[in-house]
Amino acid sequence: MNILKIAIVQPTLYWEQPLKNIENLTILISQIEKNTHLIVLPEMFNTGFSLRPETFSEKMDGLTISWLKKVSIDTNAAITGSLMIEEAGKYFNRLVWVEDGEVEYYYDKRHLFSLVGEDVPFAAGKEKVIITYKNWKIAPFICYDLRFPAWCRNTEDVDIQLYVANWPEKRNHHWKLLLQARAIENQCFVIASNRVGEDLWGNNHSGDSALIDYSGETKFLASNLQAIKTFEVNKTDLEEYRKRYPFHLEKDKFKFEE
């Protein structure tokens, strides 16, 4: 499949209110265009960026995962976003990828935001994940990961890098510039979903969810309002660009080490 139809959901998030967030997201998702292939939700879409996993984390068979499974069936689309998960006595900020009512992939956030203490309750992920979906290769990342180009480096020739976030407005110029940088240096589409509204600490989130193409051109940048944006990406265009500008063939080769 050369054309992938993607919907970015940019919601207002209600602090530590999973049921209210799921209700709001259900309403938003009901407005998504038919025949959409992928629905992208932000980081911790059911709670906001909470540091209380002991209270709000779920198991992999919990309420929110069950809801994602139902959405994927009802919309006939894959759906992804991150939430707090408890597993084997540890807590993870985990992006889950659901297709046809089943969790097909998950990615645990590698870079935990120590500035506010995310590294205290949560365990860091150890592995990159490459999702294969409808003949597209997709690499998922979560928020703070965006600042680390070695981790995000496209050594697997992915077609899309996917970022889900709770990125505050006061550093939104970093968000926009780094998303462009990741697209340019990795010669791939970059798709990013962020939230809007305030969190517990009064940090405002301006959204700025985005689609950036393989040349670094911003094709879509959301406003600071709750919104849904549906668009198509074309793999043939990406491949032709790489043939014309084969910078990726001269990348340095090294292995990421702890």
Protein backbone atom coordinates (compact mmCIF):
# COMPACT_ATOMS: atom_id res chain seq x y z
CA MET A 1 0.00 0.00 0.00
CA ASN A 2 1.61 3.27 -1.14
CA ILE A 3 -0.97 5.64 0.35
CA LEU A 4 -1.54 5.68 4.11
CA LYS A 5 -4.41 7.72 5.54
CA ILE A 6 -3.63 8.96 9.04
CA ALA A 7 -5.67 10.88 11.63
CA ILE A 8 -3.87 12.86 14.34
CA VAL A 9 -6.04 13.42 17.42
CA GLN A 10 -5.06 16.49 19.48
CA PRO A 11 -7.26 16.46 22.59
CA THR A 12 -7.73 18.49 25.69
CA LEU A 13 -6.67 16.14 28.48
CA TYR A 14 -8.37 16.08 31.88
CA TRP A 15 -5.93 15.58 34.71
CA GLU A 16 -5.93 12.02 36.05
CA GLN A 17 -9.48 11.37 34.84
CA PRO A 18 -9.25 8.27 32.62
CA LEU A 19 -12.98 7.84 32.12
CA LYS A 20 -13.51 11.48 31.16
CA ASN A 21 -10.58 11.39 28.74
CA ILE A 22 -11.81 8.19 27.12
CA GLU A 23 -15.28 9.71 26.78
CA ASN A 24 -13.86 12.82 25.11
CA LEU A 25 -11.62 10.79 22.81
CA THR A 26 -14.52 8.55 21.83
CA ILE A 27 -16.45 11.62 20.67
CA LEU A 28 -13.46 12.95 18.72
CA ILE A 29 -12.71 9.62 17.09
CA SER A 30 -16.33 9.30 15.97
CA GLN A 31 -15.69 12.32 13.71
CA ILE A 32 -12.73 10.76 11.88
CA GLU A 33 -13.12 10.21 8.17
CA LYS A 34 -14.00 6.74 6.96
CA ASN A 35 -11.28 4.51 5.49
CA THR A 36 -8.64 5.99 7.78
CA HIS A 37 -5.80 3.52 8.32
CA LEU A 38 -4.14 4.89 11.47
CA ILE A 39 -5.32 6.97 14.46
CA VAL A 40 -2.62 8.65 16.57
CA LEU A 41 -3.25 9.76 20.17
CA PRO A 42 -0.80 11.71 22.38
CA GLU A 43 1.34 10.60 25.32
CA MET A 44 -0.59 9.44 28.42
CA PHE A 45 -3.81 10.16 26.57
CA ASN A 46 -6.02 8.84 29.37
CA THR A 47 -4.49 10.77 32.30
CA GLY A 48 -2.24 13.59 31.18
CA PHE A 49 1.45 13.47 32.16
CA SER A 50 0.90 12.04 35.63
CA LEU A 51 3.70 10.74 37.83
CA ARG A 52 1.39 8.54 39.90
CA PRO A 53 1.47 5.16 38.18
CA GLU A 54 0.81 3.43 41.48
CA THR A 55 -2.71 4.89 41.25
CA PHE A 56 -3.37 5.23 37.52
CA SER A 57 -1.38 2.53 35.76
CA GLU A 58 -3.17 -0.41 34.16
CA LYS A 59 -2.33 -3.94 33.17
CA MET A 60 -2.18 -4.89 29.52
CA ASP A 61 -5.72 -6.23 29.82
CA GLY A 62 -7.06 -3.13 31.57
CA LEU A 63 -9.91 -0.75 30.76
CA THR A 64 -7.99 1.54 28.41
CA ILE A 65 -6.43 -1.28 26.41
CA SER A 66 -9.90 -2.82 26.05
CA TRP A 67 -11.18 0.51 24.78
CA LEU A 68 -8.35 0.75 22.22
CA LYS A 69 -9.18 -2.74 21.00
CA LYS A 70 -12.83 -1.80 20.54
CA VAL A 71 -11.93 1.41 18.70
CA SER A 72 -9.66 -0.47 16.31
CA ILE A 73 -12.47 -2.85 15.45
CA ASP A 74 -15.16 -0.17 15.17
CA THR A 75 -13.02 2.06 12.92
CA ASN A 76 -11.22 -0.72 11.06
CA ALA A 77 -8.00 1.20 11.75
CA ALA A 78 -4.86 0.82 13.80
CA ILE A 79 -4.73 3.09 16.85
CA THR A 80 -1.76 4.11 18.96
CA GLY A 81 -0.80 6.32 21.91
CA SER A 82 0.88 5.94 25.30
CA LEU A 83 -0.40 5.25 28.80
CA MET A 84 0.94 4.06 32.16
CA ILE A 85 1.32 0.28 32.29
CA GLU A 86 2.28 -1.98 35.19
CA GLU A 87 4.14 -5.16 34.28
CA ALA A 88 6.30 -7.52 36.31
CA GLY A 89 6.33 -5.14 39.27
CA LYS A 90 7.52 -2.16 37.21
CA TYR A 91 5.78 0.86 35.69
CA PHE A 92 6.28 1.94 32.09
CA ASN A 93 5.22 4.89 29.96
CA ARG A 94 4.18 2.58 27.14
CA LEU A 95 3.04 3.27 23.61
CA VAL A 96 0.70 0.54 22.44
CA TRP A 97 -0.20 -0.23 18.84
CA VAL A 98 -3.55 -1.97 18.33
CA GLU A 99 -4.79 -3.53 15.09
CA ASP A 100 -7.94 -5.58 14.52
CA GLY A 101 -8.70 -5.68 18.22
CA GLU A 102 -5.25 -6.92 19.29
CA VAL A 103 -2.08 -5.32 20.66
CA GLU A 104 0.44 -6.00 17.91
CA TYR A 105 3.36 -3.89 19.18
CA TYR A 106 4.38 -1.80 22.16
CA TYR A 107 7.26 0.56 22.88
CA ASP A 108 8.42 1.65 26.34
CA LYS A 109 9.70 5.22 26.57
CA ARG A 110 13.48 5.17 26.52
CA HIS A 111 14.29 8.70 27.72
CA LEU A 112 12.44 9.52 30.92
CA PHE A 113 12.06 13.22 31.73
CA SER A 114 14.26 13.43 34.83
CA LEU A 115 13.76 17.20 35.08
CA VAL A 116 10.39 16.51 36.72
CA GLY A 117 11.22 13.08 38.12
CA GLU A 118 9.67 10.75 35.54
CA ASP A 119 12.65 8.45 36.04
CA VAL A 120 11.69 7.81 39.68
CA PRO A 121 8.43 5.84 39.33
CA PHE A 122 8.97 4.60 35.77
CA ALA A 123 11.43 2.12 34.28
CA ALA A 124 13.11 3.08 31.02
CA GLY A 125 12.61 1.07 27.86
CA LYS A 126 15.57 -0.81 26.44
CA GLU A 127 14.71 -1.44 22.81
CA LYS A 128 13.64 0.44 19.71
CA VAL A 129 10.58 -0.98 18.03
CA ILE A 130 9.91 -1.09 14.31
CA ILE A 131 6.26 -1.48 13.35
CA THR A 132 5.37 -3.00 9.99
CA TYR A 133 1.91 -1.91 8.86
CA LYS A 134 0.44 -2.11 5.37
CA ASN A 135 3.92 -2.26 3.81
CA TRP A 136 5.11 0.78 5.79
CA LYS A 137 7.89 0.74 8.39
CA ILE A 138 7.17 2.96 11.39
CA ALA A 139 9.38 3.82 14.38
CA PRO A 140 7.47 5.05 17.46
CA PHE A 141 8.91 7.42 20.07
CA ILE A 142 7.55 9.24 23.11
CA CYS A 143 7.99 12.95 23.88
CA TYR A 144 11.46 13.46 25.47
CA ASP A 145 12.94 10.86 23.07
CA LEU A 146 12.73 13.60 20.43
CA ARG A 147 15.75 15.37 21.95
CA PHE A 148 18.08 12.40 21.35
CA PRO A 149 19.04 12.05 17.67
CA ALA A 150 21.26 9.00 18.21
CA TRP A 151 18.30 7.06 19.61
CA CYS A 152 15.99 8.33 16.88
CA ARG A 153 18.50 7.72 14.10
CA ASN A 154 16.96 5.95 11.13
CA THR A 155 19.24 2.94 10.93
CA GLU A 156 16.33 0.68 9.92
CA ASP A 157 15.22 2.64 6.84
CA VAL A 158 11.81 3.40 8.31
CA ASP A 159 9.30 5.41 6.30
CA ILE A 160 7.68 7.18 9.26
CA GLN A 161 8.85 8.34 12.66
CA LEU A 162 5.94 8.71 15.06
CA TYR A 163 6.11 10.95 18.13
CA VAL A 164 3.43 11.14 20.84
CA ALA A 165 3.84 13.79 23.50
CA ASN A 166 2.73 16.05 26.34
CA TRP A 167 5.08 18.84 25.22
CA PRO A 168 4.56 22.21 27.01
CA GLU A 169 4.00 25.47 25.16
CA LYS A 170 6.97 27.20 26.81
CA ARG A 171 9.32 24.95 24.84
CA ASN A 172 7.22 24.57 21.71
CA HIS A 173 9.89 26.16 19.50
CA HIS A 174 12.14 23.22 20.45
CA TRP A 175 9.33 20.82 19.54
CA LYS A 176 8.80 22.30 16.10
CA LEU A 177 12.49 22.61 15.23
CA LEU A 178 13.41 19.14 16.47
CA LEU A 179 10.57 17.50 14.57
CA GLN A 180 11.86 19.13 11.39
CA ALA A 181 15.42 18.09 12.18
CA ARG A 182 14.41 14.45 12.69
CA ALA A 183 12.60 14.47 9.32
CA ILE A 184 15.53 16.05 7.46
CA GLU A 185 18.32 13.94 8.92
CA ASN A 186 16.36 10.68 8.64
CA GLN A 187 14.68 11.38 5.29
CA CYS A 188 11.31 10.11 6.45
CA PHE A 189 7.86 11.40 7.28
CA VAL A 190 7.47 12.65 10.85
CA ILE A 191 4.04 12.48 12.45
CA ALA A 192 3.53 14.04 15.87
CA SER A 193 0.54 14.15 18.23
CA ASN A 194 0.54 16.51 21.20
CA ARG A 195 -2.14 17.59 23.66
CA VAL A 196 -3.70 20.97 24.48
CA GLY A 197 -4.76 22.52 27.80
CA GLU A 198 -3.17 22.89 31.23
CA ASP A 199 -1.78 20.22 33.54
CA LEU A 200 -1.72 20.05 37.34
CA TRP A 201 1.30 22.35 37.55
CA GLY A 202 -0.20 25.05 35.33
CA ASN A 203 1.85 24.18 32.25
CA ASN A 204 -0.04 25.06 29.10
CA HIS A 205 0.18 22.82 26.05
CA SER A 206 -0.23 24.50 22.69
CA GLY A 207 -0.73 21.36 20.63
CA ASP A 208 1.35 21.95 17.51
CA SER A 209 0.66 18.42 16.32
CA ALA A 210 2.31 18.08 12.96
CA LEU A 211 2.99 16.29 9.72
CA ILE A 212 6.45 16.95 8.30
CA ASP A 213 7.64 15.39 5.09
CA TYR A 214 10.97 13.72 4.28
CA SER A 215 12.49 17.04 3.11
CA GLY A 216 11.66 18.79 6.38
CA GLU A 217 8.70 20.75 5.00
CA THR A 218 5.90 21.21 7.50
CA LYS A 219 2.76 20.06 5.70
CA PHE A 220 0.47 20.55 8.68
CA LEU A 221 0.81 22.27 12.07
CA ALA A 222 -2.17 22.29 14.41
CA SER A 223 -3.33 25.29 16.41
CA ASN A 224 -3.68 25.37 20.20
CA LEU A 225 -7.23 24.00 20.09
CA GLN A 226 -8.60 20.49 20.42
CA ALA A 227 -8.65 19.11 16.90
CA ILE A 228 -8.50 16.18 14.50
CA LYS A 229 -6.52 16.28 11.28
CA THR A 230 -6.67 13.57 8.63
CA PHE A 231 -4.13 13.43 5.81
CA GLU A 232 -2.47 11.01 3.41
CA VAL A 233 1.21 10.18 3.03
CA ASN A 234 2.60 8.75 -0.18
CA LYS A 235 5.39 6.18 -0.07
CA THR A 236 6.20 6.57 -3.76
CA ASP A 237 6.99 10.27 -3.21
CA LEU A 238 9.27 9.34 -0.31
CA GLU A 239 11.14 6.73 -2.35
CA GLU A 240 11.60 9.09 -5.30
CA TYR A 241 13.01 11.77 -3.00
CA ARG A 242 15.51 9.31 -1.51
CA LYS A 243 16.62 8.26 -4.99
CA ARG A 244 17.13 11.87 -6.00
CA TYR A 245 18.93 12.77 -2.77
CA PRO A 246 20.51 9.54 -1.50
CA PHE A 247 22.07 11.11 1.60
CA HIS A 248 20.88 8.16 3.69
CA LEU A 249 23.28 5.82 1.87
CA GLU A 250 26.29 7.69 3.32
CA LYS A 251 25.24 7.67 6.96
CA ASP A 252 27.81 6.64 9.57
CA LYS A 253 27.47 3.12 10.87
CA PHE A 254 27.62 2.48 14.60
CA LYS A 255 25.70 0.61 17.24
CA PHE A 256 23.80 2.32 20.05
CA GLU A 257 25.32 1.41 23.41
CA GLU A 258 24.09 1.84 26.97
